[in-house]
Amino acid sequence: MPATPRSAKRRRVEDDIANGQLPTESNRSAKRLITTSLKSTSKEPSVEFNLLKSIVLSKLSSRRPIPLTNLSSEHAKVHTLISATVQSGESNSMLLIGARGSGKTTLINAALLDLSRSSKDHFHTVRLNGFVQTDDKLALREIWRQLGREMEIEDDAENGPGKSYADTLTMLLALLSHPDELPGQADAPENQVAKSVIFIMDEFDLFATHPRQTLLYNLLDIAQSRKAPIAVLGLTTRIDVTEALEKRVKSRFSHRYVHLPLPKGLGQFVEVGKAAMTIKSDELTFEENAVLSKKGGILEKWNKAVGQLFTDVAFQRKYISSIYHTTKSIPTLVSDLLIPTSSLTTLPEVKHYVQNIVLLTPPDSNLSLLPSLSSLALSLLISAARLTIIHSTESLNFNLAYGEYVSLASKARINSAAAGQLASGARLWGKEIARKEWEALRSLGLIIQTGGVGEMCRVDVALEEIPGAAGEGVLGKVREKWCKQI
């Protein structure tokens, strides 16, 4: 059978491929494929970049400490007290007072980290939290656990602590006291001293609510009488916490305070955020330094990109200004930076943080739900908000709101018909459908039930707030007119 022209052409192409000679069009396709492959390969982040990003994400998620900024004097006070306890055997107590996220825990951790480099084996750290240890018995058990003591000791043991609160407290006091203070230990060697113990009591004000404040009394009594080198550091958000202390407890407290203020200016707030995303060489471990040294200059490029990011006006408007002028919350700032930073494949730029980014912080109010509402739900919400102004009342029900909606929609249809136009946005829906939309508004919290006869409710949105919250073009001209004209 003679070969057709098409089969002959196919055979020539196959021969060229077999000989390694691709046709011109195939060469172009191959070049495009190779170019695309190279581009996709070049977009893959390097090992050094992934390491930098993981370090920053660890700082943003509180798995790695953020360097202290604008707290040098407060750090010096805490460091002096702890070092006096560890190195000189002095006992003392102190309260750190500040808002949540002001850096109280970070400050103490930084001071302990400095001391651990030179005196790691000379002190123990016990951390308690008022939210977890809700009474003195739980707190004592936690102290025993952190100090390495076993609670499950037989009741008939001669010298072991029993499971009762009194026995546990007695053994704890003996453990913390200096050997000279213990009965029968008068012949103890002169150079024998107890190890220092640093007590960090988070939510200190909750410990003051425990009955008789026994734990606080005994810890502060040991600190005041210098029976053992201990430091009691209380962390609280209440400035009047000492007023809740009993007289016997207050008399044994040293009345040392460190107040941690929130950033006093926008520049200081920016510095805190920049410290969370900037990586200094002294923050790196030996292994991390070894990896980053393979690609010289990448750490400097990262820090330079972060510096440019925090000076950009659009970035500051989205992440910095609103938080600073409302709550000054540092945890809110770092949580907002977490998602866009985790999505980085190149050095951080402004477009990575201001375009199509979903923040972890919840919206300020239910107004953010308005753009997602249906036209009927918006009409009912506007009608209900109008009634609160017209009748000077906060209580209404579905029937009243639906009646106002029917009145507004009917007038809009009549006016449009008289003008020879289509009544856009003024479609009149049935009562059963409208009732389902009303229930949806209640489930979203835009309509709140107050009780009473006829399922009375109140509107949680003001009429003048609806146009701006719904966004441009969502309401339509008819519903915008309903919001402006009463």
Protein backbone atom coordinates (compact mmCIF):
# COMPACT_ATOMS: atom_id res chain seq x y z
CA MET A 1 0.00 0.00 0.00
CA PRO A 2 1.61 3.30 -1.06
CA ALA A 3 2.34 5.77 1.74
CA THR A 4 0.16 8.84 1.87
CA PRO A 5 1.78 12.30 2.06
CA ARG A 6 0.61 12.66 5.67
CA SER A 7 2.08 9.31 6.78
CA ALA A 8 5.37 10.16 5.01
CA LYS A 9 5.56 13.46 6.87
CA ARG A 10 4.89 11.71 10.16
CA ARG A 11 7.67 9.20 9.38
CA ARG A 12 10.15 12.00 8.68
CA VAL A 13 9.29 13.65 12.00
CA GLU A 14 9.75 10.36 13.83
CA ASP A 15 13.14 9.86 12.15
CA ASP A 16 14.21 13.36 13.17
CA ILE A 17 13.19 12.69 16.77
CA ALA A 18 15.06 9.38 16.74
CA ASN A 19 18.19 11.16 15.46
CA GLY A 20 17.85 13.88 18.09
CA GLN A 21 16.76 16.51 15.57
CA LEU A 22 13.42 17.99 16.54
CA PRO A 23 11.35 19.93 14.04
CA THR A 24 11.27 23.71 14.37
CA GLU A 25 7.88 23.89 16.10
CA SER A 26 8.84 21.09 18.46
CA ASN A 27 12.06 22.94 19.26
CA ARG A 28 10.01 25.96 20.22
CA SER A 29 7.73 23.87 22.41
CA ALA A 30 10.72 22.20 24.04
CA LYS A 31 12.32 25.58 24.70
CA ARG A 32 9.11 26.85 26.24
CA LEU A 33 8.92 23.72 28.41
CA ILE A 34 12.53 24.09 29.56
CA THR A 35 12.08 27.81 30.22
CA THR A 36 8.92 27.18 32.24
CA SER A 37 10.66 24.45 34.21
CA LEU A 38 13.59 26.72 34.96
CA LYS A 39 11.27 29.52 36.05
CA SER A 40 9.34 27.20 38.37
CA THR A 41 12.62 25.94 39.77
CA SER A 42 13.92 29.45 40.29
CA LYS A 43 10.78 30.39 42.23
CA GLU A 44 11.38 27.66 44.78
CA PRO A 45 12.63 29.33 47.99
CA SER A 46 16.12 28.39 49.07
CA VAL A 47 17.02 26.56 52.27
CA GLU A 48 18.43 29.78 53.73
CA PHE A 49 15.21 31.68 52.99
CA ASN A 50 13.05 28.95 54.53
CA LEU A 51 15.23 29.08 57.64
CA LEU A 52 14.80 32.85 57.95
CA LYS A 53 11.06 32.54 57.51
CA SER A 54 10.78 29.78 60.11
CA ILE A 55 12.72 31.89 62.63
CA VAL A 56 10.39 34.85 62.10
CA LEU A 57 7.29 32.65 62.31
CA SER A 58 8.59 31.22 65.59
CA LYS A 59 8.87 34.75 66.97
CA LEU A 60 5.42 35.73 65.71
CA SER A 61 3.85 32.61 67.27
CA SER A 62 5.60 33.12 70.65
CA ARG A 63 7.76 30.01 70.29
CA ARG A 64 10.83 32.22 70.21
CA PRO A 65 11.34 35.40 72.26
CA ILE A 66 10.99 38.80 70.64
CA PRO A 67 13.84 41.17 71.64
CA LEU A 68 12.82 43.78 74.19
CA THR A 69 12.34 47.32 72.91
CA ASN A 70 11.92 50.49 74.98
CA LEU A 71 12.10 48.49 78.26
CA SER A 72 15.76 48.80 79.19
CA SER A 73 15.19 50.43 82.61
CA GLU A 74 12.50 47.91 83.57
CA HIS A 75 14.74 45.05 82.48
CA ALA A 76 17.60 46.41 84.61
CA LYS A 77 15.41 46.45 87.75
CA VAL A 78 14.19 42.88 87.29
CA HIS A 79 17.65 41.61 86.35
CA THR A 80 19.22 43.23 89.43
CA LEU A 81 16.69 41.62 91.79
CA ILE A 82 17.01 38.12 90.30
CA SER A 83 20.80 38.27 90.11
CA ALA A 84 20.94 39.34 93.79
CA THR A 85 18.89 36.27 94.68
CA VAL A 86 20.92 33.86 92.57
CA GLN A 87 24.43 35.18 93.10
CA SER A 88 24.23 36.78 96.56
CA GLY A 89 21.50 34.71 98.21
CA GLU A 90 19.23 37.72 98.86
CA SER A 91 15.49 37.09 99.08
CA ASN A 92 13.00 39.58 97.79
CA SER A 93 9.65 40.07 96.09
CA MET A 94 8.41 42.26 93.27
CA LEU A 95 5.26 42.96 91.29
CA LEU A 96 5.30 43.55 87.51
CA ILE A 97 2.21 45.50 86.51
CA GLY A 98 1.19 46.08 82.92
CA ALA A 99 -1.50 45.47 80.32
CA ARG A 100 -1.72 42.16 78.51
CA GLY A 101 0.92 41.97 75.84
CA SER A 102 3.05 44.69 77.39
CA GLY A 103 6.01 42.30 77.79
CA LYS A 104 5.93 41.15 81.43
CA THR A 105 6.67 37.49 80.72
CA THR A 106 9.15 38.37 77.97
CA LEU A 107 10.99 40.68 80.37
CA ILE A 108 11.38 37.98 83.02
CA ASN A 109 12.39 35.36 80.46
CA ALA A 110 15.08 37.69 79.11
CA ALA A 111 16.49 38.26 82.60
CA LEU A 112 16.48 34.52 83.37
CA LEU A 113 18.16 33.77 80.05
CA ASP A 114 20.98 36.19 80.86
CA LEU A 115 21.51 34.60 84.28
CA SER A 116 21.35 31.04 82.96
CA ARG A 117 24.41 31.69 80.81
CA SER A 118 26.58 32.21 83.90
CA SER A 119 24.65 30.62 86.79
CA LYS A 120 22.52 27.93 85.22
CA ASP A 121 23.07 25.38 88.00
CA HIS A 122 22.55 27.82 90.86
CA PHE A 123 18.79 28.34 90.77
CA HIS A 124 15.45 26.68 90.07
CA THR A 125 12.48 28.31 88.37
CA VAL A 126 8.87 27.61 89.39
CA ARG A 127 6.09 28.99 87.22
CA LEU A 128 2.53 29.25 88.49
CA ASN A 129 -0.56 30.63 86.83
CA GLY A 130 -3.66 31.83 88.62
CA PHE A 131 -5.89 30.55 85.83
CA VAL A 132 -4.55 26.98 86.26
CA GLN A 133 -3.71 26.71 89.96
CA THR A 134 -7.09 27.83 91.27
CA ASP A 135 -6.38 26.99 94.92
CA ASP A 136 -3.37 26.61 97.19
CA LYS A 137 -3.45 22.81 97.13
CA LEU A 138 -3.10 22.71 93.33
CA ALA A 139 -0.37 25.32 93.53
CA LEU A 140 1.60 23.26 96.06
CA ARG A 141 1.34 20.15 93.95
CA GLU A 142 2.60 22.08 90.96
CA ILE A 143 5.53 23.42 92.98
CA TRP A 144 6.42 19.87 94.02
CA ARG A 145 6.16 18.69 90.43
CA GLN A 146 8.40 21.44 89.06
CA LEU A 147 10.95 20.98 91.82
CA GLY A 148 11.19 17.30 90.99
CA ARG A 149 9.43 15.95 94.09
CA GLU A 150 7.08 12.96 93.86
CA MET A 151 3.64 13.43 95.40
CA GLU A 152 2.70 9.73 95.38
CA ILE A 153 4.48 8.71 98.61
CA GLU A 154 3.06 6.11 100.99
CA ASP A 155 1.15 7.53 103.93
CA ASP A 156 3.14 5.52 106.45
CA ALA A 157 6.48 6.73 105.17
CA GLU A 158 8.43 8.06 108.11
CA ASN A 159 9.72 11.30 106.62
CA GLY A 160 7.74 11.64 103.40
CA PRO A 161 5.08 14.24 102.80
CA GLY A 162 1.56 13.00 103.13
CA LYS A 163 -1.14 13.75 100.63
CA SER A 164 -2.78 16.28 102.94
CA TYR A 165 -2.36 19.98 102.34
CA ALA A 166 -0.73 20.59 105.76
CA ASP A 167 1.90 17.87 105.33
CA THR A 168 2.73 19.03 101.83
CA LEU A 169 3.11 22.61 103.00
CA THR A 170 5.36 21.52 105.88
CA MET A 171 7.65 19.58 103.59
CA LEU A 172 7.71 22.43 101.09
CA LEU A 173 8.79 24.90 103.76
CA ALA A 174 11.50 22.48 104.88
CA LEU A 175 12.65 22.12 101.30
CA LEU A 176 12.92 25.87 100.74
CA SER A 177 14.37 26.80 104.13
CA HIS A 178 18.07 27.17 104.83
CA PRO A 179 19.64 24.12 106.57
CA ASP A 180 20.32 26.19 109.73
CA GLU A 181 16.59 26.89 110.04
CA LEU A 182 15.63 23.22 110.18
CA PRO A 183 15.32 21.45 113.55
CA GLY A 184 18.10 18.95 114.18
CA GLN A 185 20.38 20.54 111.55
CA ALA A 186 22.44 22.72 113.86
CA ASP A 187 25.59 20.81 112.94
CA ALA A 188 25.18 21.45 109.22
CA PRO A 189 28.37 22.60 107.45
CA GLU A 190 28.83 26.33 107.23
CA ASN A 191 29.25 26.29 103.47
CA GLN A 192 25.97 24.41 102.90
CA VAL A 193 23.40 26.71 101.33
CA ALA A 194 20.06 26.11 99.66
CA LYS A 195 19.69 26.63 95.94
CA SER A 196 17.88 29.79 94.90
CA VAL A 197 14.30 29.41 93.71
CA ILE A 198 12.60 31.95 91.47
CA PHE A 199 8.81 31.89 91.78
CA ILE A 200 7.02 33.44 88.79
CA MET A 201 3.32 33.86 89.61
CA ASP A 202 1.35 34.86 86.55
CA GLU A 203 -2.10 36.37 87.18
CA PHE A 204 -0.94 37.24 90.70
CA ASP A 205 -4.25 38.90 91.53
CA LEU A 206 -6.05 35.54 91.28
CA PHE A 207 -3.80 34.06 93.97
CA ALA A 208 -5.02 36.83 96.26
CA THR A 209 -8.54 35.38 95.99
CA HIS A 210 -7.50 32.06 97.59
CA PRO A 211 -8.89 31.48 101.12
CA ARG A 212 -6.62 33.01 103.78
CA GLN A 213 -3.87 33.49 101.14
CA THR A 214 -1.81 30.77 102.85
CA LEU A 215 0.55 30.15 99.94
CA LEU A 216 1.32 33.85 99.45
CA TYR A 217 1.85 34.30 103.19
CA ASN A 218 4.36 31.46 103.48
CA LEU A 219 6.31 32.37 100.33
CA LEU A 220 6.56 36.04 101.27
CA ASP A 221 7.39 35.12 104.86
CA ILE A 222 10.36 33.03 103.68
CA ALA A 223 11.46 35.88 101.43
CA GLN A 224 11.19 38.48 104.19
CA SER A 225 12.81 36.42 106.96
CA ARG A 226 15.55 35.31 104.55
CA LYS A 227 15.18 31.66 105.55
CA ALA A 228 16.17 30.73 102.01
CA PRO A 229 17.22 32.60 98.86
CA ILE A 230 13.95 32.90 96.97
CA ALA A 231 12.46 35.60 94.77
CA VAL A 232 8.71 35.94 94.34
CA LEU A 233 7.77 37.74 91.11
CA GLY A 234 4.10 38.50 90.59
CA LEU A 235 2.71 39.39 87.18
CA THR A 236 -0.63 41.16 87.04
CA THR A 237 -2.72 43.57 85.04
CA ARG A 238 -4.36 45.14 88.10
CA ILE A 239 -2.69 48.20 89.54
CA ASP A 240 -4.64 47.87 92.81
CA VAL A 241 -3.70 44.25 93.46
CA THR A 242 -2.05 45.00 96.83
CA GLU A 243 -5.39 46.22 98.16
CA ALA A 244 -6.68 42.63 97.92
CA LEU A 245 -3.85 41.27 100.11
CA GLU A 246 -4.46 40.49 103.75
CA LYS A 247 -2.65 42.64 106.30
CA ARG A 248 -0.28 39.85 107.32
CA VAL A 249 0.57 39.17 103.66
CA LYS A 250 0.95 42.82 102.76
CA SER A 251 3.32 43.41 105.67
CA ARG A 252 5.68 40.75 104.30
CA PHE A 253 5.66 42.09 100.76
CA SER A 254 8.64 44.29 99.84
CA HIS A 255 6.44 46.75 97.90
CA ARG A 256 8.74 46.79 94.89
CA TYR A 257 6.91 47.55 91.67
CA VAL A 258 7.84 47.66 88.01
CA HIS A 259 5.27 49.23 85.72
CA LEU A 260 5.46 48.23 82.06
CA PRO A 261 3.84 50.89 79.87
CA LEU A 262 2.44 50.32 76.43
CA PRO A 263 4.27 52.05 73.56
CA LYS A 264 3.98 55.81 74.10
CA GLY A 265 4.29 56.77 70.45
CA LEU A 266 3.65 55.36 67.00
CA GLY A 267 7.38 55.10 66.42
CA GLN A 268 7.83 52.87 69.48
CA PHE A 269 4.96 50.64 68.33
CA VAL A 270 6.59 50.30 64.91
CA GLU A 271 9.88 49.35 66.58
CA VAL A 272 8.17 46.49 68.42
CA GLY A 273 6.74 45.09 65.20
CA LYS A 274 10.05 45.52 63.41
CA ALA A 275 11.86 43.67 66.23
CA ALA A 276 9.48 40.73 65.75
CA MET A 277 10.39 40.38 62.06
CA THR A 278 14.04 41.44 62.13
CA ILE A 279 16.66 38.78 62.81
CA LYS A 280 19.88 39.73 64.59
CA SER A 281 22.98 37.60 64.45
CA ASP A 282 23.07 37.11 68.23
CA GLU A 283 19.60 35.48 68.08
CA LEU A 284 20.89 32.65 65.88
CA THR A 285 22.25 29.34 67.05
CA PHE A 286 25.52 27.91 65.80
CA GLU A 287 23.74 25.62 63.34
CA GLU A 288 21.58 28.46 61.99
CA ASN A 289 24.66 30.64 61.51
CA ALA A 290 26.33 27.82 59.61
CA VAL A 291 23.39 27.45 57.22
CA LEU A 292 23.01 31.19 56.57
CA SER A 293 26.73 31.67 56.00
CA LYS A 294 26.49 29.53 52.87
CA LYS A 295 24.56 32.32 51.17
CA GLY A 296 26.27 35.50 52.26
CA GLY A 297 24.21 38.65 52.60
CA ILE A 298 20.76 37.04 52.79
CA LEU A 299 20.30 38.05 56.44
CA GLU A 300 21.15 41.68 55.62
CA LYS A 301 18.77 41.61 52.63
CA TRP A 302 15.96 40.27 54.81
CA ASN A 303 16.45 42.93 57.50
CA LYS A 304 16.65 45.67 54.86
CA ALA A 305 13.40 44.47 53.27
CA VAL A 306 11.70 44.44 56.70
CA GLY A 307 12.92 47.99 57.37
CA GLN A 308 11.46 49.21 54.08
CA LEU A 309 8.23 47.35 54.80
CA PHE A 310 7.62 49.09 58.12
CA THR A 311 8.27 52.54 56.63
CA ASP A 312 5.65 52.10 53.90
CA VAL A 313 2.52 54.20 54.38
CA ALA A 314 0.09 51.56 53.04
CA PHE A 315 1.56 48.89 55.33
CA GLN A 316 1.36 51.16 58.38
CA ARG A 317 -2.21 52.10 57.56
CA LYS A 318 -3.30 48.44 57.35
CA TYR A 319 -1.36 46.91 60.25
CA ILE A 320 0.00 49.63 62.54
CA SER A 321 -2.19 52.71 62.79
CA SER A 322 -5.56 51.12 63.57
CA ILE A 323 -4.15 48.87 66.32
CA TYR A 324 -2.04 51.65 67.84
CA HIS A 325 -4.89 54.15 68.02
CA THR A 326 -7.33 51.61 69.54
CA THR A 327 -5.73 48.98 71.78
CA LYS A 328 -1.93 49.23 71.29
CA SER A 329 -2.00 45.44 71.56
CA ILE A 330 1.30 43.87 70.54
CA PRO A 331 -0.16 40.31 70.38
CA THR A 332 -2.76 41.57 67.90
CA LEU A 333 -0.03 43.07 65.72
CA VAL A 334 2.11 39.94 65.61
CA SER A 335 -0.90 37.68 64.96
CA ASP A 336 -1.91 39.88 62.01
CA LEU A 337 1.57 39.50 60.53
CA LEU A 338 1.55 35.71 60.91
CA ILE A 339 -0.51 34.65 57.87
CA PRO A 340 1.09 36.90 55.22
CA THR A 341 4.57 36.05 56.51
CA SER A 342 3.85 32.32 56.31
CA SER A 343 2.89 32.75 52.63
CA LEU A 344 6.15 34.40 51.60
CA THR A 345 8.25 32.83 48.83
CA THR A 346 10.52 35.85 48.33
CA LEU A 347 11.80 38.69 50.48
CA PRO A 348 8.93 40.58 52.15
CA GLU A 349 7.39 43.38 50.10
CA VAL A 350 4.41 45.64 50.63
CA LYS A 351 2.27 43.80 48.08
CA HIS A 352 2.60 40.58 50.08
CA TYR A 353 0.89 42.23 53.07
CA VAL A 354 -1.74 44.57 51.64
CA GLN A 355 -3.28 42.54 48.81
CA ASN A 356 -5.96 39.91 49.49
CA ILE A 357 -4.79 39.13 53.01
CA VAL A 358 -7.10 37.54 55.60
CA LEU A 359 -6.27 38.72 59.12
CA LEU A 360 -6.58 36.59 62.25
CA THR A 361 -8.12 39.40 64.27
CA PRO A 362 -11.93 39.37 64.44
CA PRO A 363 -13.85 42.30 62.92
CA ASP A 364 -14.65 45.22 65.16
CA SER A 365 -18.43 44.75 64.88
CA ASN A 366 -21.21 43.02 62.99
CA LEU A 367 -21.10 45.78 60.37
CA SER A 368 -18.59 43.68 58.45
CA LEU A 369 -21.43 41.24 57.66
CA LEU A 370 -23.52 43.74 55.70
CA PRO A 371 -21.81 43.27 52.29
CA SER A 372 -22.73 39.56 52.38
CA LEU A 373 -26.46 40.10 53.04
CA SER A 374 -29.13 39.59 50.44
CA SER A 375 -31.14 42.51 49.07
CA LEU A 376 -34.21 41.46 51.07
CA ALA A 377 -32.21 41.17 54.32
CA LEU A 378 -30.74 44.64 53.76
CA SER A 379 -34.22 46.03 53.08
CA LEU A 380 -35.61 44.53 56.30
CA LEU A 381 -32.62 45.78 58.30
CA ILE A 382 -33.03 49.31 56.92
CA SER A 383 -36.77 49.21 57.61
CA ALA A 384 -36.18 48.13 61.21
CA ALA A 385 -33.53 50.83 61.71
CA ARG A 386 -35.91 53.46 60.30
CA LEU A 387 -38.65 52.44 62.74
CA THR A 388 -36.39 52.95 65.75
CA ILE A 389 -35.92 56.57 64.65
CA ILE A 390 -39.50 57.24 63.54
CA HIS A 391 -41.11 55.88 66.72
CA SER A 392 -38.20 56.73 69.09
CA THR A 393 -38.13 53.19 70.42
CA GLU A 394 -35.67 50.33 70.47
CA SER A 395 -38.23 47.50 70.50
CA LEU A 396 -39.95 46.22 67.38
CA ASN A 397 -40.98 42.92 65.82
CA PHE A 398 -41.03 41.30 62.41
CA ASN A 399 -44.54 42.44 61.53
CA LEU A 400 -43.68 46.10 62.09
CA ALA A 401 -40.45 45.82 60.09
CA TYR A 402 -42.17 43.97 57.25
CA GLY A 403 -44.96 46.56 57.15
CA GLU A 404 -42.39 49.35 56.81
CA TYR A 405 -40.61 47.38 54.08
CA VAL A 406 -43.87 46.90 52.12
CA SER A 407 -44.63 50.61 52.42
CA LEU A 408 -41.18 51.65 51.18
CA ALA A 409 -41.11 49.12 48.33
CA SER A 410 -44.62 50.08 47.16
CA LYS A 411 -43.77 53.79 47.11
CA ALA A 412 -40.58 53.05 45.18
CA ARG A 413 -42.51 51.03 42.57
CA ILE A 414 -45.11 53.78 42.17
CA ASN A 415 -42.46 56.49 41.79
CA SER A 416 -40.53 54.41 39.26
CA ALA A 417 -43.68 53.67 37.26
CA ALA A 418 -44.58 57.36 37.19
CA ALA A 419 -41.11 58.19 35.89
CA GLY A 420 -41.24 55.39 33.34
CA GLN A 421 -38.32 53.54 34.94
CA LEU A 422 -37.77 50.05 36.29
CA ALA A 423 -38.01 49.86 40.08
CA SER A 424 -34.51 48.57 40.68
CA GLY A 425 -34.06 47.15 44.18
CA ALA A 426 -37.72 47.62 45.09
CA ARG A 427 -39.04 44.13 44.44
CA LEU A 428 -41.74 43.18 46.90
CA TRP A 429 -41.09 39.79 48.50
CA GLY A 430 -43.64 37.62 50.25
CA LYS A 431 -44.02 37.50 54.00
CA GLU A 432 -42.84 33.91 54.48
CA ILE A 433 -39.62 34.52 52.56
CA ALA A 434 -39.08 37.76 54.47
CA ARG A 435 -39.55 35.93 57.79
CA LYS A 436 -36.71 33.53 56.90
CA GLU A 437 -34.42 36.49 56.17
CA TRP A 438 -35.46 38.06 59.48
CA GLU A 439 -34.46 34.88 61.31
CA ALA A 440 -31.12 34.95 59.46
CA LEU A 441 -30.53 38.51 60.70
CA ARG A 442 -31.23 37.30 64.23
CA SER A 443 -28.79 34.42 63.91
CA LEU A 444 -26.08 36.85 62.72
CA GLY A 445 -26.64 39.13 65.72
CA LEU A 446 -27.78 42.13 63.65
CA ILE A 447 -31.24 41.77 65.22
CA ILE A 448 -31.24 40.90 68.93
CA GLN A 449 -34.29 39.44 70.65
CA THR A 450 -35.31 41.26 73.83
CA GLY A 451 -38.29 39.12 74.81
CA GLY A 452 -41.78 40.31 75.54
CA VAL A 453 -45.01 39.88 73.61
CA GLY A 454 -44.73 39.30 69.86
CA GLU A 455 -41.03 38.39 69.84
CA MET A 456 -39.83 41.94 70.34
CA CYS A 457 -36.32 42.68 69.07
CA ARG A 458 -33.91 45.56 68.79
CA VAL A 459 -31.62 46.54 65.93
CA ASP A 460 -27.91 46.38 66.70
CA VAL A 461 -27.02 48.67 63.78
CA ALA A 462 -27.68 52.39 63.41
CA LEU A 463 -29.31 53.62 60.21
CA GLU A 464 -26.49 56.01 59.39
CA GLU A 465 -23.93 53.18 59.66
CA ILE A 466 -25.51 50.96 57.00
CA PRO A 467 -24.46 52.78 53.78
CA GLY A 468 -20.79 53.00 54.71
CA ALA A 469 -20.59 49.45 56.07
CA ALA A 470 -22.39 47.85 53.12
CA GLY A 471 -19.91 49.30 50.64
CA GLU A 472 -20.24 51.12 47.37
CA GLY A 473 -22.84 49.75 44.98
CA VAL A 474 -24.25 47.14 47.37
CA LEU A 475 -27.38 48.95 48.49
CA GLY A 476 -28.45 50.49 45.21
CA LYS A 477 -29.98 53.92 44.76
CA VAL A 478 -33.37 52.98 46.18
CA ARG A 479 -32.10 51.57 49.49
CA GLU A 480 -29.54 54.37 49.83
CA LYS A 481 -32.47 56.79 49.56
CA TRP A 482 -34.27 54.88 52.32
CA CYS A 483 -31.24 55.36 54.59
CA LYS A 484 -31.04 59.12 53.97
CA GLN A 485 -34.69 60.16 53.82
CA ILE A 486 -37.13 59.49 56.64
